[in-house]
Amino acid sequence: MNQIAMQEGIRQLFYECDEDDQRIYAAIEALAQSQGEQAYRETLNYLFAKDFSLEQAGHYWREATASIRKSDENNQSFRAALLNYLRQKTTELTNPRIIESHDLENIRRSAVTDGLTRLYNQSYFKQQLQQAIDLATREAGQTFSIIIFDLDHFKQFNDRCGHLQGDQVLRQIGDILRARTGELDLPARYGGEEFAILLPDCNLEEAIPLAEAIREAIADEPFTGQERLDSNNLTISGGVASYPQHGQSTGELIEAADRRLYEAKATRNAILPRLDDTRGANRHQFRNIVEIKLEGEERFSSALSSDISHTGLSLKNASAPQIGTNVELRFRYPFWPKDLETTGTVRHVGGTAAAGAFKLGIQFDCTQDDFCSMLLPESIPDLA
């Protein structure tokens, strides 16, 4: 579970179970058992807006909950009892203010959401995008995607239908984005008639179909007044970018998605890059010997590649490692254009022992643009 998912899970727990202290305690303890003491840290941060160290958070949580369980005072909520202990036993919290969960949730949401569409706002989107980058920087092999949308001819719609009807369209767009995104995705109103979505743990080939589904849903939506447009149909265009291949900073990723959006606006009612173009350009059928060493093994063994891209490769291997296994890879001249040693992570395992080999999907820890350009220079896509 990544940090964003953990924060959202804790927020939802307190929102739904504010008066069920036993359930809250048990759920957080279970989360800590599976995910470590980051669960305590995120819980205290959510409750009191205080960022303790992992060691502090674990210590304070255990001491406080042990004290609460021994106490005979049953008239306090879990939140209040936890706060009282921390105030009495530490100097970390001064002048805190307790707010009931539903009130706290309303305050938090009003600070991070757009009042018209009820989507997250641009500031929160960028904040969470930076957190996703920070997480991916710490944990090798992480990938995620963003989509930036812009309504086509929305100024013409406002001019001909009025701004009140335009506001209604924006509300409907918000409803569509919420309906089409998952629990961990972050849809936002980026500004005006622009929208954005952050998709954790989602690569480019997974993000593009989602963007297309949203585009189709909006094109099919019966917006009142859209018949007054020259096109008779209100549509949306979008650009998709993924970490790390299209950028490794907030600015780079947004700029990459913006460039694709700008290209899509030339025809409108389009998503770029297109899925077929991406698959055809990124992956090269290149069958040759690759030396592989799985995590925990002492020696390299030989495997056969089936295709390769700048972000990873597929190969046939005699054994089937667990998904998430780290690997070392060696590409040797003259089988390959030059010698290359790199590392990666197993992201997919297919096939059976009866077939004589397993098909592994491996994601490189670092993109290999230069190496892949030697295989098929004209096929390496460039977002510039």
Protein backbone atom coordinates (compact mmCIF):
# COMPACT_ATOMS: atom_id res chain seq x y z
CA MET A 1 0.00 0.00 0.00
CA ASN A 2 1.47 3.38 -0.94
CA GLN A 3 1.36 6.49 1.22
CA ILE A 4 -1.58 8.08 -0.62
CA ALA A 5 -3.67 4.90 -0.27
CA MET A 6 -2.84 4.67 3.45
CA GLN A 7 -3.80 8.31 4.08
CA GLU A 8 -7.11 7.84 2.28
CA GLY A 9 -7.85 4.61 4.16
CA ILE A 10 -7.23 6.22 7.56
CA ARG A 11 -9.31 9.26 6.63
CA GLN A 12 -12.19 7.02 5.58
CA LEU A 13 -11.90 4.91 8.74
CA PHE A 14 -12.33 7.86 11.08
CA TYR A 15 -15.08 9.33 8.92
CA GLU A 16 -17.14 6.12 9.00
CA CYS A 17 -16.33 4.82 12.51
CA ASP A 18 -15.91 7.92 14.67
CA GLU A 19 -17.90 6.48 17.59
CA ASP A 20 -16.65 2.89 17.33
CA ASP A 21 -13.37 3.14 19.24
CA GLN A 22 -12.68 -0.60 19.25
CA ARG A 23 -13.09 -0.84 15.49
CA ILE A 24 -10.79 2.15 14.92
CA TYR A 25 -8.10 0.75 17.21
CA ALA A 26 -8.31 -2.76 15.71
CA ALA A 27 -8.20 -1.44 12.15
CA ILE A 28 -5.14 0.72 12.77
CA GLU A 29 -3.35 -2.10 14.58
CA ALA A 30 -4.09 -4.42 11.66
CA LEU A 31 -2.79 -1.81 9.22
CA ALA A 32 0.40 -1.44 11.28
CA GLN A 33 0.88 -5.22 11.27
CA SER A 34 0.75 -5.36 7.48
CA GLN A 35 2.33 -2.00 6.56
CA GLY A 36 4.56 -1.07 9.49
CA GLU A 37 4.67 1.91 11.84
CA GLN A 38 3.93 4.33 9.01
CA ALA A 39 0.29 3.54 9.92
CA TYR A 40 0.76 5.13 13.35
CA ARG A 41 2.52 8.12 11.85
CA GLU A 42 -0.21 8.77 9.30
CA THR A 43 -2.94 8.33 11.94
CA LEU A 44 -1.42 10.90 14.30
CA ASN A 45 -0.79 13.24 11.38
CA TYR A 46 -4.43 12.95 10.31
CA LEU A 47 -5.79 13.52 13.82
CA PHE A 48 -3.52 16.32 15.01
CA ALA A 49 -1.73 17.66 11.90
CA LYS A 50 1.59 16.76 13.53
CA ASP A 51 4.28 14.94 11.53
CA PHE A 52 6.05 12.69 14.04
CA SER A 53 9.04 10.55 13.11
CA LEU A 54 8.34 6.85 12.64
CA GLU A 55 10.04 6.06 15.96
CA GLN A 56 8.13 8.79 17.83
CA ALA A 57 4.80 7.84 16.30
CA GLY A 58 5.15 4.16 17.20
CA HIS A 59 6.26 4.96 20.74
CA TYR A 60 3.51 7.53 21.40
CA TRP A 61 0.82 5.33 19.90
CA ARG A 62 1.71 2.29 21.99
CA GLU A 63 2.08 4.28 25.21
CA ALA A 64 -1.13 6.23 24.64
CA THR A 65 -3.32 3.27 23.69
CA ALA A 66 -1.98 1.18 26.59
CA SER A 67 -2.85 4.04 28.95
CA ILE A 68 -6.32 4.43 27.41
CA ARG A 69 -7.12 0.74 27.77
CA LYS A 70 -6.14 0.82 31.48
CA SER A 71 -8.19 3.94 32.17
CA ASP A 72 -11.58 3.73 33.90
CA GLU A 73 -12.80 6.87 32.15
CA ASN A 74 -15.19 5.76 29.42
CA ASN A 75 -16.80 9.11 28.72
CA GLN A 76 -14.16 10.29 26.27
CA SER A 77 -13.90 9.48 22.62
CA PHE A 78 -10.82 7.66 21.38
CA ARG A 79 -9.62 10.87 19.72
CA ALA A 80 -10.02 12.94 22.91
CA ALA A 81 -8.36 10.32 25.12
CA LEU A 82 -5.43 10.03 22.73
CA LEU A 83 -5.04 13.79 22.64
CA ASN A 84 -5.19 14.13 26.43
CA TYR A 85 -2.46 11.55 26.86
CA LEU A 86 -0.19 13.21 24.33
CA ARG A 87 -0.68 16.62 25.91
CA GLN A 88 0.06 15.31 29.41
CA LYS A 89 3.01 13.08 28.57
CA THR A 90 4.73 14.99 25.76
CA THR A 91 5.47 18.54 24.72
CA GLU A 92 4.68 17.82 21.09
CA LEU A 93 1.10 19.15 21.08
CA THR A 94 0.30 22.68 22.29
CA ASN A 95 -3.07 24.44 22.13
CA PRO A 96 -4.74 21.74 20.01
CA ARG A 97 -8.41 21.84 19.14
CA ILE A 98 -10.60 18.76 18.84
CA ILE A 99 -13.02 18.70 15.94
CA GLU A 100 -15.51 15.90 15.39
CA SER A 101 -14.72 13.73 12.39
CA HIS A 102 -17.59 14.90 10.20
CA ASP A 103 -16.73 18.55 10.87
CA LEU A 104 -13.03 17.91 10.33
CA GLU A 105 -13.83 16.16 7.08
CA ASN A 106 -15.92 19.09 5.88
CA ILE A 107 -13.12 21.52 6.71
CA ARG A 108 -10.50 19.39 4.98
CA ARG A 109 -12.63 18.90 1.90
CA SER A 110 -13.48 22.59 1.57
CA ALA A 111 -9.76 23.39 1.59
CA VAL A 112 -8.86 20.90 -1.13
CA THR A 113 -11.95 20.70 -3.34
CA ASP A 114 -13.60 22.85 -5.97
CA GLY A 115 -17.00 24.03 -4.79
CA LEU A 116 -18.69 23.80 -8.19
CA THR A 117 -17.64 20.34 -9.37
CA ARG A 118 -16.82 18.78 -5.97
CA LEU A 119 -13.57 17.53 -7.50
CA TYR A 120 -10.20 18.20 -5.91
CA ASN A 121 -8.64 21.55 -6.77
CA GLN A 122 -5.41 22.24 -8.66
CA SER A 123 -3.39 22.96 -5.54
CA TYR A 124 -4.25 19.61 -3.97
CA PHE A 125 -3.68 17.80 -7.27
CA LYS A 126 -0.15 19.21 -7.51
CA GLN A 127 0.52 18.40 -3.86
CA GLN A 128 -0.50 14.77 -4.35
CA LEU A 129 1.43 14.59 -7.62
CA GLN A 130 4.57 15.68 -5.76
CA GLN A 131 3.90 13.04 -3.09
CA ALA A 132 3.58 10.39 -5.79
CA ILE A 133 6.94 11.51 -7.23
CA ASP A 134 8.56 11.45 -3.79
CA LEU A 135 7.26 7.93 -3.20
CA ALA A 136 8.44 6.73 -6.62
CA THR A 137 11.86 8.23 -5.95
CA ARG A 138 12.18 6.24 -2.71
CA GLU A 139 10.77 2.97 -4.06
CA ALA A 140 12.37 1.80 -7.29
CA GLY A 141 10.06 0.52 -10.00
CA GLN A 142 7.06 2.70 -9.13
CA THR A 143 5.07 4.13 -12.01
CA PHE A 144 1.96 6.30 -12.26
CA SER A 145 0.20 8.46 -14.83
CA ILE A 146 -1.62 11.75 -15.16
CA ILE A 147 -4.27 12.91 -17.62
CA ILE A 148 -5.06 16.54 -18.39
CA PHE A 149 -8.36 17.29 -20.16
CA ASP A 150 -9.78 20.43 -21.73
CA LEU A 151 -13.38 20.90 -22.92
CA ASP A 152 -13.62 21.65 -26.64
CA HIS A 153 -15.23 24.98 -27.69
CA PHE A 154 -16.39 25.70 -24.15
CA LYS A 155 -16.16 29.47 -24.68
CA GLN A 156 -18.57 29.11 -27.59
CA PHE A 157 -20.89 27.10 -25.35
CA ASN A 158 -20.83 29.79 -22.62
CA ASP A 159 -21.38 32.57 -25.15
CA ARG A 160 -24.40 30.84 -26.70
CA CYS A 161 -25.92 29.07 -23.68
CA GLY A 162 -24.92 31.32 -20.78
CA HIS A 163 -22.59 30.83 -17.85
CA LEU A 164 -25.25 29.24 -15.63
CA GLN A 165 -25.65 26.44 -18.14
CA GLY A 166 -21.88 26.31 -18.46
CA ASP A 167 -21.64 25.75 -14.71
CA GLN A 168 -24.10 22.89 -15.00
CA VAL A 169 -21.90 21.30 -17.66
CA LEU A 170 -18.90 21.52 -15.33
CA ARG A 171 -20.91 19.82 -12.58
CA GLN A 172 -21.83 17.00 -14.97
CA ILE A 173 -18.19 16.61 -15.97
CA GLY A 174 -17.32 16.27 -12.28
CA ASP A 175 -19.93 13.51 -11.92
CA ILE A 176 -18.54 11.67 -14.94
CA LEU A 177 -14.95 11.82 -13.68
CA ARG A 178 -15.93 10.51 -10.26
CA ALA A 179 -17.98 7.70 -11.79
CA ARG A 180 -15.16 6.65 -14.15
CA THR A 181 -12.22 6.74 -11.71
CA GLY A 182 -11.23 4.31 -8.97
CA GLU A 183 -11.13 4.76 -5.23
CA LEU A 184 -7.42 5.63 -5.18
CA ASP A 185 -7.48 7.87 -8.28
CA LEU A 186 -7.54 11.63 -7.82
CA PRO A 187 -9.77 13.59 -10.24
CA ALA A 188 -9.39 17.36 -10.06
CA ARG A 189 -10.67 20.55 -11.63
CA TYR A 190 -7.41 21.96 -12.90
CA GLY A 191 -8.83 25.39 -13.75
CA GLY A 192 -11.67 26.83 -15.85
CA GLU A 193 -12.71 24.08 -18.23
CA GLU A 194 -9.55 22.01 -17.61
CA PHE A 195 -9.54 18.82 -15.56
CA ALA A 196 -6.80 16.44 -14.42
CA ILE A 197 -6.55 12.94 -12.96
CA LEU A 198 -3.70 11.38 -11.00
CA LEU A 199 -3.61 7.60 -11.44
CA PRO A 200 -1.36 5.83 -8.88
CA ASP A 201 0.25 2.54 -9.95
CA CYS A 202 -1.03 3.02 -13.51
CA ASN A 203 1.24 2.85 -16.54
CA LEU A 204 0.69 4.55 -19.90
CA GLU A 205 -1.03 1.59 -21.55
CA GLU A 206 -3.50 1.42 -18.64
CA ALA A 207 -4.10 5.18 -18.46
CA ILE A 208 -4.93 5.72 -22.14
CA PRO A 209 -8.03 3.42 -22.19
CA LEU A 210 -9.37 5.23 -19.11
CA ALA A 211 -8.86 8.58 -20.80
CA GLU A 212 -10.63 7.26 -23.91
CA ALA A 213 -13.54 5.95 -21.83
CA ILE A 214 -13.98 9.38 -20.23
CA ARG A 215 -13.76 11.09 -23.63
CA GLU A 216 -16.46 8.79 -25.01
CA ALA A 217 -18.70 9.26 -21.95
CA ILE A 218 -18.55 13.04 -22.31
CA ALA A 219 -19.16 12.88 -26.06
CA ASP A 220 -22.27 10.75 -25.37
CA GLU A 221 -23.57 12.91 -22.49
CA PRO A 222 -26.76 14.84 -23.47
CA PHE A 223 -25.65 18.28 -22.28
CA THR A 224 -28.51 20.75 -22.44
CA GLY A 225 -27.78 23.38 -25.08
CA GLN A 226 -24.97 21.58 -26.89
CA GLU A 227 -27.01 21.65 -30.11
CA ARG A 228 -26.18 25.38 -30.27
CA LEU A 229 -22.52 24.59 -30.87
CA ASP A 230 -21.22 24.53 -34.42
CA SER A 231 -20.36 20.88 -33.87
CA ASN A 232 -23.75 20.13 -32.18
CA ASN A 233 -21.82 18.13 -29.58
CA LEU A 234 -19.81 19.13 -26.50
CA THR A 235 -16.61 17.06 -26.35
CA ILE A 236 -13.30 16.93 -24.51
CA SER A 237 -9.65 16.35 -25.46
CA GLY A 238 -6.83 15.02 -23.31
CA GLY A 239 -3.13 14.37 -22.98
CA VAL A 240 -1.56 11.52 -20.99
CA ALA A 241 1.90 11.31 -19.42
CA SER A 242 3.52 8.69 -17.20
CA TYR A 243 6.31 8.61 -14.64
CA PRO A 244 9.21 8.08 -15.17
CA GLN A 245 9.41 7.93 -18.96
CA HIS A 246 7.76 11.31 -19.64
CA GLY A 247 9.14 13.22 -16.69
CA GLN A 248 10.46 12.86 -13.19
CA SER A 249 9.24 16.12 -11.67
CA THR A 250 5.85 17.80 -11.30
CA GLY A 251 6.71 20.37 -13.95
CA GLU A 252 8.01 17.83 -16.45
CA LEU A 253 4.99 15.55 -16.17
CA ILE A 254 2.45 18.37 -16.43
CA GLU A 255 4.33 19.86 -19.38
CA ALA A 256 4.40 16.46 -21.14
CA ALA A 257 0.65 15.95 -20.67
CA ASP A 258 0.01 19.55 -21.75
CA ARG A 259 1.96 19.05 -24.98
CA ARG A 260 -0.13 16.01 -25.84
CA LEU A 261 -3.30 17.91 -24.95
CA TYR A 262 -2.25 20.76 -27.24
CA GLU A 263 -1.74 18.28 -30.09
CA ALA A 264 -5.13 16.66 -29.39
CA LYS A 265 -6.84 20.06 -29.53
CA ALA A 266 -5.81 20.35 -33.17
CA THR A 267 -8.51 17.81 -34.07
CA ARG A 268 -10.52 17.90 -30.80
CA ASN A 269 -12.46 15.05 -29.23
CA ALA A 270 -9.17 13.12 -29.05
CA ILE A 271 -6.73 11.56 -26.58
CA LEU A 272 -2.99 11.52 -27.22
CA PRO A 273 -0.94 9.46 -27.33
CA ARG A 274 -3.21 6.85 -28.91
CA LEU A 275 -2.96 3.37 -27.48
CA ASP A 276 -2.15 1.68 -30.80
CA ASP A 277 0.58 4.21 -31.55
CA THR A 278 2.08 3.74 -28.11
CA ARG A 279 2.17 -0.04 -28.35
CA GLY A 280 3.57 -0.03 -31.84
CA ALA A 281 6.24 2.58 -31.22
CA ASN A 282 7.39 1.67 -27.75
CA ARG A 283 7.82 -2.08 -28.00
CA HIS A 284 10.24 -3.69 -30.46
CA GLN A 285 10.15 -7.36 -31.39
CA PHE A 286 13.76 -8.23 -30.61
CA ARG A 287 14.50 -11.86 -29.77
CA ASN A 288 17.90 -12.54 -28.31
CA ILE A 289 19.80 -13.86 -25.33
CA VAL A 290 19.53 -11.89 -22.07
CA GLU A 291 21.46 -12.85 -18.95
CA ILE A 292 19.29 -12.63 -15.83
CA LYS A 293 19.96 -13.03 -12.11
CA LEU A 294 16.98 -13.10 -9.78
CA GLU A 295 17.13 -11.64 -6.29
CA GLY A 296 18.64 -14.22 -3.93
CA GLU A 297 20.44 -16.14 -6.68
CA GLU A 298 24.23 -16.23 -7.01
CA ARG A 299 24.62 -16.74 -10.74
CA PHE A 300 23.26 -15.35 -13.98
CA SER A 301 21.29 -17.64 -16.27
CA SER A 302 20.22 -17.23 -19.90
CA ALA A 303 16.74 -16.17 -21.00
CA LEU A 304 15.22 -15.24 -24.36
CA SER A 305 13.75 -11.78 -24.93
CA SER A 306 10.51 -11.44 -26.93
CA ASP A 307 10.20 -7.66 -27.04
CA ILE A 308 11.79 -4.63 -25.43
CA SER A 309 10.97 -0.99 -24.82
CA HIS A 310 12.74 1.89 -23.14
CA THR A 311 10.86 1.08 -19.88
CA GLY A 312 11.14 -2.72 -19.80
CA LEU A 313 11.10 -6.02 -21.64
CA SER A 314 9.37 -9.38 -21.89
CA LEU A 315 11.42 -12.56 -21.86
CA LYS A 316 11.05 -16.33 -21.56
CA ASN A 317 12.71 -17.81 -18.50
CA ALA A 318 13.04 -21.32 -17.07
CA SER A 319 11.72 -20.31 -13.63
CA ALA A 320 8.78 -18.21 -12.40
CA PRO A 321 9.78 -15.68 -9.73
CA GLN A 322 7.29 -13.82 -7.55
CA ILE A 323 5.92 -10.54 -8.87
CA GLY A 324 7.95 -7.75 -7.30
CA THR A 325 11.22 -9.71 -7.40
CA ASN A 326 14.28 -7.57 -8.17
CA VAL A 327 16.46 -8.72 -11.06
CA GLU A 328 19.84 -7.92 -12.58
CA LEU A 329 20.06 -7.98 -16.38
CA ARG A 330 23.00 -8.16 -18.77
CA PHE A 331 22.83 -7.54 -22.52
CA ARG A 332 26.02 -8.67 -24.23
CA TYR A 333 27.61 -7.64 -27.53
CA PRO A 334 27.45 -8.98 -30.28
CA PHE A 335 23.93 -10.23 -29.49
CA TRP A 336 23.01 -6.63 -28.63
CA PRO A 337 24.31 -3.33 -30.03
CA LYS A 338 26.57 -2.86 -26.99
CA ASP A 339 27.15 -4.25 -23.52
CA LEU A 340 24.56 -3.06 -21.00
CA GLU A 341 23.97 -3.96 -17.37
CA THR A 342 20.82 -2.75 -15.65
CA THR A 343 18.32 -3.68 -12.95
CA GLY A 344 14.57 -4.09 -12.90
CA THR A 345 11.53 -5.55 -11.17
CA VAL A 346 9.28 -8.45 -12.22
CA ARG A 347 5.82 -7.02 -12.94
CA HIS A 348 4.15 -9.97 -14.70
CA VAL A 349 4.53 -13.76 -14.76
CA GLY A 350 2.70 -15.92 -17.28
CA GLY A 351 2.81 -19.43 -18.66
CA THR A 352 3.16 -22.82 -16.98
CA ALA A 353 5.95 -25.28 -16.32
CA ALA A 354 4.39 -27.61 -18.88
CA ALA A 355 5.10 -25.04 -21.58
CA GLY A 356 8.81 -25.30 -20.82
CA ALA A 357 9.27 -21.60 -20.03
CA PHE A 358 7.59 -18.74 -18.22
CA LYS A 359 7.00 -15.33 -19.73
CA LEU A 360 8.21 -12.52 -17.47
CA GLY A 361 7.36 -8.86 -17.80
CA ILE A 362 10.20 -6.81 -16.32
CA GLN A 363 10.18 -3.06 -15.70
CA PHE A 364 13.58 -1.34 -15.80
CA ASP A 365 14.54 0.72 -12.76
CA CYS A 366 15.89 3.37 -15.15
CA THR A 367 14.61 4.03 -18.67
CA GLN A 368 16.91 2.89 -21.49
CA ASP A 369 16.19 5.40 -24.26
CA ASP A 370 19.73 5.43 -25.68
CA PHE A 371 20.01 1.66 -25.71
CA CYS A 372 16.63 1.15 -27.39
CA SER A 373 17.34 3.84 -29.98
CA MET A 374 20.18 1.64 -31.23
CA LEU A 375 17.72 -1.20 -31.85
CA LEU A 376 15.19 0.80 -33.87
CA PRO A 377 15.98 4.54 -33.84
CA GLU A 378 12.95 5.71 -35.76
CA SER A 379 10.52 3.97 -33.43
CA ILE A 380 11.40 5.61 -30.14
CA PRO A 381 8.61 8.10 -29.37
CA ASP A 382 9.41 11.62 -28.25
CA LEU A 383 6.93 13.80 -26.40
CA ALA A 384 8.81 16.96 -27.30
